[in-house]
Amino acid sequence: MNKKMIILSLAVVILGAAIVIGSTALPPESQDPINSIKSHEWARDRALDSLKIKVPSNWSTQDTTPEGLIGSSIKTYISGDLIVTVSHNLNPTAAFSVTVQNSENTWSLWVNQDGTTQPQ
């Protein structure tokens, strides 16, 4: 192979790699909110909104993921008598499991990636 063919082949490979990388990158949340990576806080707030509970502005946050648990993350948020536990299995398309407790009630729901909720 001559030098020109090697350079042309290399350029094609680099261009192909750039196209693949660009097509698999996740867009920012502001551009495509359904396909963006959501946070535990996002799921907490969607759950509270769906239950018609005012979202407090001040939270005490704890990572309550058991030591040695792989592939999941659990966070607990506390504000006054309100305790919200959010669990997610770190799959960006999976629903969040959310438990909301106050002095009177306990609710368990799924928060889907599109923001909808359903009882567990």
PDB file of N, CA and C in Angstrom:
ATOM      1  N   MET A   1       0.836  -1.172   0.000  1.00  0.00           N
ATOM      2  CA  MET A   1       0.000   0.000   0.000  1.00  0.00           C
ATOM      3  C   MET A   1       0.883   1.238   0.000  1.00  0.00           C
ATOM      4  N   ASN A   2       0.472   2.190  -0.763  1.00  0.00           N
ATOM      5  CA  ASN A   2       1.280   3.404  -0.780  1.00  0.00           C
ATOM      6  C   ASN A   2       0.855   4.349   0.339  1.00  0.00           C
ATOM      7  N   LYS A   3       1.627   5.358   0.537  1.00  0.00           N
ATOM      8  CA  LYS A   3       1.438   6.307   1.633  1.00  0.00           C
ATOM      9  C   LYS A   3       0.083   7.020   1.533  1.00  0.00           C
ATOM     10  N   LYS A   4      -0.322   7.349   0.324  1.00  0.00           N
ATOM     11  CA  LYS A   4      -1.592   8.037   0.110  1.00  0.00           C
ATOM     12  C   LYS A   4      -2.770   7.169   0.554  1.00  0.00           C
ATOM     13  N   MET A   5      -2.748   5.901   0.244  1.00  0.00           N
ATOM     14  CA  MET A   5      -3.820   4.969   0.619  1.00  0.00           C
ATOM     15  C   MET A   5      -3.877   4.793   2.144  1.00  0.00           C
ATOM     16  N   ILE A   6      -2.720   4.741   2.789  1.00  0.00           N
ATOM     17  CA  ILE A   6      -2.681   4.590   4.247  1.00  0.00           C
ATOM     18  C   ILE A   6      -3.304   5.814   4.913  1.00  0.00           C
ATOM     19  N   ILE A   7      -2.965   6.997   4.447  1.00  0.00           N
ATOM     20  CA  ILE A   7      -3.515   8.230   5.016  1.00  0.00           C
ATOM     21  C   ILE A   7      -5.019   8.296   4.776  1.00  0.00           C
ATOM     22  N   LEU A   8      -5.472   7.932   3.579  1.00  0.00           N
ATOM     23  CA  LEU A   8      -6.895   7.939   3.262  1.00  0.00           C
ATOM     24  C   LEU A   8      -7.644   6.934   4.135  1.00  0.00           C
ATOM     25  N   SER A   9      -7.087   5.749   4.318  1.00  0.00           N
ATOM     26  CA  SER A   9      -7.714   4.727   5.164  1.00  0.00           C
ATOM     27  C   SER A   9      -7.810   5.200   6.609  1.00  0.00           C
ATOM     28  N   LEU A  10      -6.759   5.806   7.099  1.00  0.00           N
ATOM     29  CA  LEU A  10      -6.753   6.328   8.462  1.00  0.00           C
ATOM     30  C   LEU A  10      -7.800   7.420   8.630  1.00  0.00           C
ATOM     31  N   ALA A  11      -7.936   8.293   7.656  1.00  0.00           N
ATOM     32  CA  ALA A  11      -8.936   9.363   7.714  1.00  0.00           C
ATOM     33  C   ALA A  11     -10.350   8.791   7.754  1.00  0.00           C
ATOM     34  N   VAL A  12     -10.614   7.746   6.987  1.00  0.00           N
ATOM     35  CA  VAL A  12     -11.928   7.113   6.980  1.00  0.00           C
ATOM     36  C   VAL A  12     -12.234   6.495   8.343  1.00  0.00           C
ATOM     37  N   VAL A  13     -11.253   5.839   8.941  1.00  0.00           N
ATOM     38  CA  VAL A  13     -11.440   5.224  10.257  1.00  0.00           C
ATOM     39  C   VAL A  13     -11.730   6.298  11.304  1.00  0.00           C
ATOM     40  N   ILE A  14     -10.981   7.373  11.308  1.00  0.00           N
ATOM     41  CA  ILE A  14     -11.182   8.452  12.286  1.00  0.00           C
ATOM     42  C   ILE A  14     -12.554   9.094  12.092  1.00  0.00           C
ATOM     43  N   LEU A  15     -12.941   9.346  10.860  1.00  0.00           N
ATOM     44  CA  LEU A  15     -14.251   9.926  10.576  1.00  0.00           C
ATOM     45  C   LEU A  15     -15.369   8.993  11.040  1.00  0.00           C
ATOM     46  N   GLY A  16     -15.221   7.707  10.786  1.00  0.00           N
ATOM     47  CA  GLY A  16     -16.219   6.733  11.228  1.00  0.00           C
ATOM     48  C   GLY A  16     -16.348   6.709  12.742  1.00  0.00           C
ATOM     49  N   ALA A  17     -15.213   6.753  13.438  1.00  0.00           N
ATOM     50  CA  ALA A  17     -15.236   6.756  14.901  1.00  0.00           C
ATOM     51  C   ALA A  17     -15.921   8.012  15.429  1.00  0.00           C
ATOM     52  N   ALA A  18     -15.643   9.143  14.808  1.00  0.00           N
ATOM     53  CA  ALA A  18     -16.264  10.399  15.239  1.00  0.00           C
ATOM     54  C   ALA A  18     -17.773  10.359  15.058  1.00  0.00           C
ATOM     55  N   ILE A  19     -18.243   9.767  13.979  1.00  0.00           N
ATOM     56  CA  ILE A  19     -19.688   9.651  13.738  1.00  0.00           C
ATOM     57  C   ILE A  19     -20.336   8.758  14.780  1.00  0.00           C
ATOM     58  N   VAL A  20     -19.722   7.633  15.089  1.00  0.00           N
ATOM     59  CA  VAL A  20     -20.272   6.713  16.093  1.00  0.00           C
ATOM     60  C   VAL A  20     -20.315   7.374  17.458  1.00  0.00           C
ATOM     61  N   ILE A  21     -19.242   8.023  17.874  1.00  0.00           N
ATOM     62  CA  ILE A  21     -19.201   8.682  19.171  1.00  0.00           C
ATOM     63  C   ILE A  21     -20.242   9.790  19.235  1.00  0.00           C
ATOM     64  N   GLY A  22     -20.348  10.574  18.210  1.00  0.00           N
ATOM     65  CA  GLY A  22     -21.317  11.667  18.193  1.00  0.00           C
ATOM     66  C   GLY A  22     -22.753  11.191  18.227  1.00  0.00           C
ATOM     67  N   SER A  23     -23.038  10.066  17.619  1.00  0.00           N
ATOM     68  CA  SER A  23     -24.420   9.586  17.576  1.00  0.00           C
ATOM     69  C   SER A  23     -24.839   8.880  18.858  1.00  0.00           C
ATOM     70  N   THR A  24     -23.888   8.479  19.709  1.00  0.00           N
ATOM     71  CA  THR A  24     -24.247   7.787  20.947  1.00  0.00           C
ATOM     72  C   THR A  24     -24.172   8.688  22.171  1.00  0.00           C
ATOM     73  N   ALA A  25     -23.684   9.909  22.018  1.00  0.00           N
ATOM     74  CA  ALA A  25     -23.592  10.825  23.162  1.00  0.00           C
ATOM     75  C   ALA A  25     -24.988  11.266  23.577  1.00  0.00           C
ATOM     76  N   LEU A  26     -25.218  11.361  24.902  1.00  0.00           N
ATOM     77  CA  LEU A  26     -26.502  11.830  25.402  1.00  0.00           C
ATOM     78  C   LEU A  26     -26.550  13.353  25.334  1.00  0.00           C
ATOM     79  N   PRO A  27     -27.654  13.906  24.869  1.00  0.00           N
ATOM     80  CA  PRO A  27     -27.759  15.361  24.799  1.00  0.00           C
ATOM     81  C   PRO A  27     -27.981  15.949  26.188  1.00  0.00           C
ATOM     82  N   PRO A  28     -27.705  17.240  26.381  1.00  0.00           N
ATOM     83  CA  PRO A  28     -27.976  17.865  27.667  1.00  0.00           C
ATOM     84  C   PRO A  28     -29.473  17.837  27.977  1.00  0.00           C
ATOM     85  N   GLU A  29     -29.823  17.846  29.262  1.00  0.00           N
ATOM     86  CA  GLU A  29     -31.225  17.752  29.680  1.00  0.00           C
ATOM     87  C   GLU A  29     -32.077  18.861  29.076  1.00  0.00           C
ATOM     88  N   SER A  30     -31.510  20.045  28.918  1.00  0.00           N
ATOM     89  CA  SER A  30     -32.297  21.156  28.394  1.00  0.00           C
ATOM     90  C   SER A  30     -32.717  20.922  26.943  1.00  0.00           C
ATOM     91  N   GLN A  31     -31.982  20.094  26.207  1.00  0.00           N
ATOM     92  CA  GLN A  31     -32.331  19.839  24.812  1.00  0.00           C
ATOM     93  C   GLN A  31     -33.288  18.659  24.661  1.00  0.00           C
ATOM     94  N   ASP A  32     -33.153  17.651  25.481  1.00  0.00           N
ATOM     95  CA  ASP A  32     -33.972  16.451  25.356  1.00  0.00           C
ATOM     96  C   ASP A  32     -34.220  15.870  26.746  1.00  0.00           C
ATOM     97  N   PRO A  33     -35.190  16.393  27.494  1.00  0.00           N
ATOM     98  CA  PRO A  33     -35.371  15.977  28.880  1.00  0.00           C
ATOM     99  C   PRO A  33     -35.738  14.515  29.058  1.00  0.00           C
ATOM    100  N   ILE A  34     -36.326  13.864  28.080  1.00  0.00           N
ATOM    101  CA  ILE A  34     -36.712  12.464  28.240  1.00  0.00           C
ATOM    102  C   ILE A  34     -35.498  11.551  28.164  1.00  0.00           C
ATOM    103  N   ASN A  35     -34.520  11.873  27.317  1.00  0.00           N
ATOM    104  CA  ASN A  35     -33.368  10.996  27.123  1.00  0.00           C
ATOM    105  C   ASN A  35     -32.139  11.412  27.917  1.00  0.00           C
ATOM    106  N   SER A  36     -32.286  12.310  28.866  1.00  0.00           N
ATOM    107  CA  SER A  36     -31.137  12.732  29.659  1.00  0.00           C
ATOM    108  C   SER A  36     -31.058  11.903  30.941  1.00  0.00           C
ATOM    109  N   ILE A  37     -29.901  11.927  31.549  1.00  0.00           N
ATOM    110  CA  ILE A  37     -29.697  11.173  32.785  1.00  0.00           C
ATOM    111  C   ILE A  37     -30.325  11.954  33.934  1.00  0.00           C
ATOM    112  N   LYS A  38     -31.173  11.297  34.688  1.00  0.00           N
ATOM    113  CA  LYS A  38     -31.884  11.920  35.801  1.00  0.00           C
ATOM    114  C   LYS A  38     -31.156  11.646  37.111  1.00  0.00           C
ATOM    115  N   SER A  39     -31.415  12.500  38.100  1.00  0.00           N
ATOM    116  CA  SER A  39     -30.784  12.362  39.409  1.00  0.00           C
ATOM    117  C   SER A  39     -31.785  11.875  40.445  1.00  0.00           C
ATOM    118  N   HIS A  40     -31.264  11.448  41.585  1.00  0.00           N
ATOM    119  CA  HIS A  40     -32.120  11.069  42.704  1.00  0.00           C
ATOM    120  C   HIS A  40     -32.982  12.255  43.134  1.00  0.00           C
ATOM    121  N   GLU A  41     -32.398  13.452  43.126  1.00  0.00           N
ATOM    122  CA  GLU A  41     -33.141  14.652  43.513  1.00  0.00           C
ATOM    123  C   GLU A  41     -34.304  14.909  42.559  1.00  0.00           C
ATOM    124  N   TRP A  42     -34.054  14.696  41.284  1.00  0.00           N
ATOM    125  CA  TRP A  42     -35.109  14.861  40.284  1.00  0.00           C
ATOM    126  C   TRP A  42     -36.267  13.918  40.581  1.00  0.00           C
ATOM    127  N   ALA A  43     -35.964  12.653  40.865  1.00  0.00           N
ATOM    128  CA  ALA A  43     -37.009  11.660  41.159  1.00  0.00           C
ATOM    129  C   ALA A  43     -37.741  12.018  42.448  1.00  0.00           C
ATOM    130  N   ARG A  44     -37.007  12.466  43.466  1.00  0.00           N
ATOM    131  CA  ARG A  44     -37.622  12.890  44.734  1.00  0.00           C
ATOM    132  C   ARG A  44     -38.654  13.983  44.481  1.00  0.00           C
ATOM    133  N   ASP A  45     -38.266  15.000  43.729  1.00  0.00           N
ATOM    134  CA  ASP A  45     -39.155  16.123  43.469  1.00  0.00           C
ATOM    135  C   ASP A  45     -40.365  15.732  42.624  1.00  0.00           C
ATOM    136  N   ARG A  46     -40.175  14.828  41.626  1.00  0.00           N
ATOM    137  CA  ARG A  46     -41.320  14.364  40.827  1.00  0.00           C
ATOM    138  C   ARG A  46     -42.310  13.604  41.712  1.00  0.00           C
ATOM    139  N   ALA A  47     -41.781  12.769  42.624  1.00  0.00           N
ATOM    140  CA  ALA A  47     -42.659  12.004  43.521  1.00  0.00           C
ATOM    141  C   ALA A  47     -43.461  12.947  44.412  1.00  0.00           C
ATOM    142  N   LEU A  48     -42.815  13.930  45.000  1.00  0.00           N
ATOM    143  CA  LEU A  48     -43.514  14.874  45.870  1.00  0.00           C
ATOM    144  C   LEU A  48     -44.547  15.674  45.092  1.00  0.00           C
ATOM    145  N   ASP A  49     -44.190  16.099  43.882  1.00  0.00           N
ATOM    146  CA  ASP A  49     -45.155  16.824  43.041  1.00  0.00           C
ATOM    147  C   ASP A  49     -46.388  15.973  42.767  1.00  0.00           C
ATOM    148  N   SER A  50     -46.176  14.704  42.462  1.00  0.00           N
ATOM    149  CA  SER A  50     -47.310  13.835  42.130  1.00  0.00           C
ATOM    150  C   SER A  50     -48.206  13.582  43.342  1.00  0.00           C
ATOM    151  N   LEU A  51     -47.627  13.660  44.543  1.00  0.00           N
ATOM    152  CA  LEU A  51     -48.404  13.474  45.773  1.00  0.00           C
ATOM    153  C   LEU A  51     -48.977  14.789  46.286  1.00  0.00           C
ATOM    154  N   LYS A  52     -48.732  15.875  45.571  1.00  0.00           N
ATOM    155  CA  LYS A  52     -49.195  17.210  45.952  1.00  0.00           C
ATOM    156  C   LYS A  52     -48.615  17.645  47.297  1.00  0.00           C
ATOM    157  N   ILE A  53     -47.346  17.268  47.525  1.00  0.00           N
ATOM    158  CA  ILE A  53     -46.619  17.677  48.729  1.00  0.00           C
ATOM    159  C   ILE A  53     -45.628  18.752  48.313  1.00  0.00           C
ATOM    160  N   LYS A  54     -45.655  19.881  49.012  1.00  0.00           N
ATOM    161  CA  LYS A  54     -44.737  20.978  48.697  1.00  0.00           C
ATOM    162  C   LYS A  54     -43.299  20.501  48.874  1.00  0.00           C
ATOM    163  N   VAL A  55     -42.473  20.768  47.863  1.00  0.00           N
ATOM    164  CA  VAL A  55     -41.067  20.356  47.907  1.00  0.00           C
ATOM    165  C   VAL A  55     -40.310  21.334  48.810  1.00  0.00           C
ATOM    166  N   PRO A  56     -39.770  20.838  49.941  1.00  0.00           N
ATOM    167  CA  PRO A  56     -39.003  21.725  50.824  1.00  0.00           C
ATOM    168  C   PRO A  56     -37.733  22.229  50.138  1.00  0.00           C
ATOM    169  N   SER A  57     -37.245  23.369  50.602  1.00  0.00           N
ATOM    170  CA  SER A  57     -36.021  23.920  50.021  1.00  0.00           C
ATOM    171  C   SER A  57     -34.767  23.425  50.741  1.00  0.00           C
ATOM    172  N   ASN A  58     -34.903  23.001  51.982  1.00  0.00           N
ATOM    173  CA  ASN A  58     -33.740  22.538  52.751  1.00  0.00           C
ATOM    174  C   ASN A  58     -33.858  21.054  53.052  1.00  0.00           C
ATOM    175  N   TRP A  59     -32.839  20.308  52.672  1.00  0.00           N
ATOM    176  CA  TRP A  59     -32.811  18.866  52.885  1.00  0.00           C
ATOM    177  C   TRP A  59     -31.523  18.465  53.588  1.00  0.00           C
ATOM    178  N   SER A  60     -31.632  17.470  54.431  1.00  0.00           N
ATOM    179  CA  SER A  60     -30.455  16.758  54.926  1.00  0.00           C
ATOM    180  C   SER A  60     -30.365  15.513  54.046  1.00  0.00           C
ATOM    181  N   THR A  61     -29.220  15.284  53.441  1.00  0.00           N
ATOM    182  CA  THR A  61     -29.068  14.185  52.485  1.00  0.00           C
ATOM    183  C   THR A  61     -28.075  13.160  53.005  1.00  0.00           C
ATOM    184  N   GLN A  62     -28.440  11.881  52.889  1.00  0.00           N
ATOM    185  CA  GLN A  62     -27.541  10.799  53.283  1.00  0.00           C
ATOM    186  C   GLN A  62     -27.484   9.756  52.177  1.00  0.00           C
ATOM    187  N   ASP A  63     -26.285   9.265  51.907  1.00  0.00           N
ATOM    188  CA  ASP A  63     -26.138   8.121  51.008  1.00  0.00           C
ATOM    189  C   ASP A  63     -26.351   6.886  51.874  1.00  0.00           C
ATOM    190  N   THR A  64     -27.464   6.196  51.663  1.00  0.00           N
ATOM    191  CA  THR A  64     -27.810   5.032  52.482  1.00  0.00           C
ATOM    192  C   THR A  64     -27.633   3.724  51.720  1.00  0.00           C
ATOM    193  N   THR A  65     -26.826   3.756  50.677  1.00  0.00           N
ATOM    194  CA  THR A  65     -26.526   2.543  49.917  1.00  0.00           C
ATOM    195  C   THR A  65     -25.747   1.589  50.826  1.00  0.00           C
ATOM    196  N   PRO A  66     -26.224   0.358  51.008  1.00  0.00           N
ATOM    197  CA  PRO A  66     -25.482  -0.593  51.851  1.00  0.00           C
ATOM    198  C   PRO A  66     -24.079  -0.842  51.293  1.00  0.00           C
ATOM    199  N   GLU A  67     -23.121  -0.959  52.192  1.00  0.00           N
ATOM    200  CA  GLU A  67     -21.753  -1.227  51.781  1.00  0.00           C
ATOM    201  C   GLU A  67     -21.698  -2.547  51.014  1.00  0.00           C
ATOM    202  N   GLY A  68     -21.008  -2.538  49.912  1.00  0.00           N
ATOM    203  CA  GLY A  68     -20.859  -3.746  49.106  1.00  0.00           C
ATOM    204  C   GLY A  68     -21.940  -3.919  48.044  1.00  0.00           C
ATOM    205  N   LEU A  69     -22.996  -3.111  48.098  1.00  0.00           N
ATOM    206  CA  LEU A  69     -24.041  -3.200  47.072  1.00  0.00           C
ATOM    207  C   LEU A  69     -23.501  -2.606  45.782  1.00  0.00           C
ATOM    208  N   ILE A  70     -23.557  -3.378  44.715  1.00  0.00           N
ATOM    209  CA  ILE A  70     -23.019  -2.946  43.431  1.00  0.00           C
ATOM    210  C   ILE A  70     -24.168  -2.770  42.438  1.00  0.00           C
ATOM    211  N   GLY A  71     -24.147  -1.672  41.706  1.00  0.00           N
ATOM    212  CA  GLY A  71     -25.131  -1.467  40.649  1.00  0.00           C
ATOM    213  C   GLY A  71     -26.369  -0.711  41.076  1.00  0.00           C
ATOM    214  N   SER A  72     -26.461  -0.311  42.325  1.00  0.00           N
ATOM    215  CA  SER A  72     -27.597   0.467  42.818  1.00  0.00           C
ATOM    216  C   SER A  72     -27.103   1.585  43.712  1.00  0.00           C
ATOM    217  N   SER A  73     -27.930   2.580  43.841  1.00  0.00           N
ATOM    218  CA  SER A  73     -27.616   3.711  44.695  1.00  0.00           C
ATOM    219  C   SER A  73     -28.876   4.108  45.444  1.00  0.00           C
ATOM    220  N   ILE A  74     -28.751   4.326  46.749  1.00  0.00           N
ATOM    221  CA  ILE A  74     -29.893   4.715  47.570  1.00  0.00           C
ATOM    222  C   ILE A  74     -29.531   5.987  48.320  1.00  0.00           C
ATOM    223  N   LYS A  75     -30.420   6.980  48.225  1.00  0.00           N
ATOM    224  CA  LYS A  75     -30.227   8.226  48.955  1.00  0.00           C
ATOM    225  C   LYS A  75     -31.475   8.514  49.768  1.00  0.00           C
ATOM    226  N   THR A  76     -31.256   9.041  50.975  1.00  0.00           N
ATOM    227  CA  THR A  76     -32.352   9.408  51.856  1.00  0.00           C
ATOM    228  C   THR A  76     -32.283  10.907  52.113  1.00  0.00           C
ATOM    229  N   TYR A  77     -33.436  11.549  51.958  1.00  0.00           N
ATOM    230  CA  TYR A  77     -33.555  12.992  52.142  1.00  0.00           C
ATOM    231  C   TYR A  77     -34.503  13.242  53.309  1.00  0.00           C
ATOM    232  N   ILE A  78     -34.110  14.136  54.221  1.00  0.00           N
ATOM    233  CA  ILE A  78     -34.929  14.429  55.393  1.00  0.00           C
ATOM    234  C   ILE A  78     -35.121  15.940  55.489  1.00  0.00           C
ATOM    235  N   SER A  79     -36.379  16.348  55.678  1.00  0.00           N
ATOM    236  CA  SER A  79     -36.720  17.750  55.906  1.00  0.00           C
ATOM    237  C   SER A  79     -37.909  17.772  56.854  1.00  0.00           C
ATOM    238  N   GLY A  80     -37.674  18.200  58.094  1.00  0.00           N
ATOM    239  CA  GLY A  80     -38.741  18.178  59.101  1.00  0.00           C
ATOM    240  C   GLY A  80     -39.190  16.748  59.335  1.00  0.00           C
ATOM    241  N   ASP A  81     -40.514  16.505  59.272  1.00  0.00           N
ATOM    242  CA  ASP A  81     -41.020  15.136  59.458  1.00  0.00           C
ATOM    243  C   ASP A  81     -41.114  14.363  58.141  1.00  0.00           C
ATOM    244  N   LEU A  82     -40.620  14.957  57.063  1.00  0.00           N
ATOM    245  CA  LEU A  82     -40.684  14.330  55.740  1.00  0.00           C
ATOM    246  C   LEU A  82     -39.389  13.561  55.459  1.00  0.00           C
ATOM    247  N   ILE A  83     -39.539  12.274  55.148  1.00  0.00           N
ATOM    248  CA  ILE A  83     -38.398  11.420  54.815  1.00  0.00           C
ATOM    249  C   ILE A  83     -38.668  10.815  53.441  1.00  0.00           C
ATOM    250  N   VAL A  84     -37.744  11.029  52.520  1.00  0.00           N
ATOM    251  CA  VAL A  84     -37.888  10.495  51.163  1.00  0.00           C
ATOM    252  C   VAL A  84     -36.661   9.635  50.868  1.00  0.00           C
ATOM    253  N   THR A  85     -36.910   8.370  50.509  1.00  0.00           N
ATOM    254  CA  THR A  85     -35.836   7.451  50.146  1.00  0.00           C
ATOM    255  C   THR A  85     -35.957   7.143  48.662  1.00  0.00           C
ATOM    256  N   VAL A  86     -34.854   7.346  47.929  1.00  0.00           N
ATOM    257  CA  VAL A  86     -34.848   7.145  46.484  1.00  0.00           C
ATOM    258  C   VAL A  86     -33.798   6.099  46.148  1.00  0.00           C
ATOM    259  N   SER A  87     -34.231   5.068  45.423  1.00  0.00           N
ATOM    260  CA  SER A  87     -33.336   3.991  45.005  1.00  0.00           C
ATOM    261  C   SER A  87     -33.334   3.921  43.485  1.00  0.00           C
ATOM    262  N   HIS A  88     -32.138   3.705  42.934  1.00  0.00           N
ATOM    263  CA  HIS A  88     -32.012   3.602  41.480  1.00  0.00           C
ATOM    264  C   HIS A  88     -30.937   2.586  41.173  1.00  0.00           C
ATOM    265  N   ASN A  89     -31.168   1.742  40.164  1.00  0.00           N
ATOM    266  CA  ASN A  89     -30.212   0.683  39.861  1.00  0.00           C
ATOM    267  C   ASN A  89     -29.126   1.092  38.881  1.00  0.00           C
ATOM    268  N   LEU A  90     -28.940   2.384  38.675  1.00  0.00           N
ATOM    269  CA  LEU A  90     -27.871   2.953  37.857  1.00  0.00           C
ATOM    270  C   LEU A  90     -27.980   2.635  36.368  1.00  0.00           C
ATOM    271  N   ASN A  91     -29.090   2.075  35.946  1.00  0.00           N
ATOM    272  CA  ASN A  91     -29.383   1.925  34.529  1.00  0.00           C
ATOM    273  C   ASN A  91     -30.096   3.209  34.121  1.00  0.00           C
ATOM    274  N   PRO A  92     -29.553   3.983  33.190  1.00  0.00           N
ATOM    275  CA  PRO A  92     -30.143   5.286  32.895  1.00  0.00           C
ATOM    276  C   PRO A  92     -31.567   5.241  32.360  1.00  0.00           C
ATOM    277  N   THR A  93     -32.066   4.078  31.969  1.00  0.00           N
ATOM    278  CA  THR A  93     -33.445   4.007  31.477  1.00  0.00           C
ATOM    279  C   THR A  93     -34.411   3.441  32.516  1.00  0.00           C
ATOM    280  N   ALA A  94     -33.912   3.020  33.661  1.00  0.00           N
ATOM    281  CA  ALA A  94     -34.752   2.387  34.675  1.00  0.00           C
ATOM    282  C   ALA A  94     -35.513   3.429  35.495  1.00  0.00           C
ATOM    283  N   ALA A  95     -36.652   3.008  36.018  1.00  0.00           N
ATOM    284  CA  ALA A  95     -37.445   3.861  36.905  1.00  0.00           C
ATOM    285  C   ALA A  95     -36.780   3.937  38.278  1.00  0.00           C
ATOM    286  N   PHE A  96     -37.052   5.019  38.978  1.00  0.00           N
ATOM    287  CA  PHE A  96     -36.590   5.191  40.353  1.00  0.00           C
ATOM    288  C   PHE A  96     -37.659   4.641  41.296  1.00  0.00           C
ATOM    289  N   SER A  97     -37.236   3.995  42.366  1.00  0.00           N
ATOM    290  CA  SER A  97     -38.143   3.571  43.427  1.00  0.00           C
ATOM    291  C   SER A  97     -38.088   4.647  44.512  1.00  0.00           C
ATOM    292  N   VAL A  98     -39.255   5.196  44.862  1.00  0.00           N
ATOM    293  CA  VAL A  98     -39.288   6.295  45.828  1.00  0.00           C
ATOM    294  C   VAL A  98     -40.292   5.964  46.928  1.00  0.00           C
ATOM    295  N   THR A  99     -39.847   6.119  48.181  1.00  0.00           N
ATOM    296  CA  THR A  99     -40.726   5.986  49.330  1.00  0.00           C
ATOM    297  C   THR A  99     -40.773   7.332  50.038  1.00  0.00           C
ATOM    298  N   VAL A 100     -41.979   7.814  50.276  1.00  0.00           N
ATOM    299  CA  VAL A 100     -42.183   9.099  50.935  1.00  0.00           C
ATOM    300  C   VAL A 100     -42.912   8.830  52.243  1.00  0.00           C
ATOM    301  N   GLN A 101     -42.360   9.357  53.336  1.00  0.00           N
ATOM    302  CA  GLN A 101     -42.972   9.184  54.655  1.00  0.00           C
ATOM    303  C   GLN A 101     -43.106  10.542  55.322  1.00  0.00           C
ATOM    304  N   ASN A 102     -44.252  10.733  55.991  1.00  0.00           N
ATOM    305  CA  ASN A 102     -44.374  11.856  56.907  1.00  0.00           C
ATOM    306  C   ASN A 102     -44.986  11.307  58.188  1.00  0.00           C
ATOM    307  N   SER A 103     -45.360  12.160  59.105  1.00  0.00           N
ATOM    308  CA  SER A 103     -45.857  11.675  60.400  1.00  0.00           C
ATOM    309  C   SER A 103     -47.172  10.904  60.289  1.00  0.00           C
ATOM    310  N   GLU A 104     -47.868  11.036  59.150  1.00  0.00           N
ATOM    311  CA  GLU A 104     -49.175  10.408  58.998  1.00  0.00           C
ATOM    312  C   GLU A 104     -49.239   9.278  57.977  1.00  0.00           C
ATOM    313  N   ASN A 105     -48.421   9.332  56.926  1.00  0.00           N
ATOM    314  CA  ASN A 105     -48.572   8.408  55.799  1.00  0.00           C
ATOM    315  C   ASN A 105     -47.231   7.935  55.254  1.00  0.00           C
ATOM    316  N   THR A 106     -47.322   6.828  54.501  1.00  0.00           N
ATOM    317  CA  THR A 106     -46.187   6.328  53.734  1.00  0.00           C
ATOM    318  C   THR A 106     -46.693   5.984  52.341  1.00  0.00           C
ATOM    319  N   TRP A 107     -45.971   6.461  51.321  1.00  0.00           N
ATOM    320  CA  TRP A 107     -46.304   6.163  49.932  1.00  0.00           C
ATOM    321  C   TRP A 107     -45.093   5.533  49.262  1.00  0.00           C
ATOM    322  N   SER A 108     -45.319   4.573  48.388  1.00  0.00           N
ATOM    323  CA  SER A 108     -44.250   3.968  47.591  1.00  0.00           C
ATOM    324  C   SER A 108     -44.641   4.087  46.125  1.00  0.00           C
ATOM    325  N   LEU A 109     -43.766   4.678  45.339  1.00  0.00           N
ATOM    326  CA  LEU A 109     -44.068   4.823  43.927  1.00  0.00           C
ATOM    327  C   LEU A 109     -42.850   4.664  43.050  1.00  0.00           C
ATOM    328  N   TRP A 110     -43.142   4.438  41.787  1.00  0.00           N
ATOM    329  CA  TRP A 110     -42.117   4.417  40.745  1.00  0.00           C
ATOM    330  C   TRP A 110     -42.142   5.772  40.068  1.00  0.00           C
ATOM    331  N   VAL A 111     -40.976   6.331  39.826  1.00  0.00           N
ATOM    332  CA  VAL A 111     -40.867   7.543  39.024  1.00  0.00           C
ATOM    333  C   VAL A 111     -40.154   7.134  37.738  1.00  0.00           C
ATOM    334  N   ASN A 112     -40.893   7.192  36.643  1.00  0.00           N
ATOM    335  CA  ASN A 112     -40.355   6.796  35.345  1.00  0.00           C
ATOM    336  C   ASN A 112     -39.482   7.909  34.766  1.00  0.00           C
ATOM    337  N   GLN A 113     -38.658   7.555  33.801  1.00  0.00           N
ATOM    338  CA  GLN A 113     -37.725   8.503  33.193  1.00  0.00           C
ATOM    339  C   GLN A 113     -38.430   9.668  32.496  1.00  0.00           C
ATOM    340  N   ASP A 114     -39.701   9.506  32.136  1.00  0.00           N
ATOM    341  CA  ASP A 114     -40.431  10.613  31.504  1.00  0.00           C
ATOM    342  C   ASP A 114     -41.120  11.507  32.526  1.00  0.00           C
ATOM    343  N   GLY A 115     -40.904  11.208  33.829  1.00  0.00           N
ATOM    344  CA  GLY A 115     -41.478  12.031  34.890  1.00  0.00           C
ATOM    345  C   GLY A 115     -42.814  11.561  35.411  1.00  0.00           C
ATOM    346  N   THR A 116     -43.406  10.569  34.760  1.00  0.00           N
ATOM    347  CA  THR A 116     -44.674  10.038  35.253  1.00  0.00           C
ATOM    348  C   THR A 116     -44.426   9.159  36.470  1.00  0.00           C
ATOM    349  N   THR A 117     -45.461   9.002  37.278  1.00  0.00           N
ATOM    350  CA  THR A 117     -45.339   8.170  38.482  1.00  0.00           C
ATOM    351  C   THR A 117     -46.440   7.124  38.486  1.00  0.00           C
ATOM    352  N   GLN A 118     -46.186   6.057  39.233  1.00  0.00           N
ATOM    353  CA  GLN A 118     -47.206   5.020  39.428  1.00  0.00           C
ATOM    354  C   GLN A 118     -46.930   4.350  40.762  1.00  0.00           C
ATOM    355  N   PRO A 119     -47.995   3.874  41.420  1.00  0.00           N
ATOM    356  CA  PRO A 119     -47.798   3.208  42.711  1.00  0.00           C
ATOM    357  C   PRO A 119     -47.006   1.911  42.556  1.00  0.00           C
ATOM    358  N   GLN A 120     -46.283   1.561  43.593  1.00  0.00           N
ATOM    359  CA  GLN A 120     -45.550   0.282  43.579  1.00  0.00           C
ATOM    360  C   GLN A 120     -46.450  -0.816  44.074  1.00  0.00           C
TER     361      GLN A 120
END
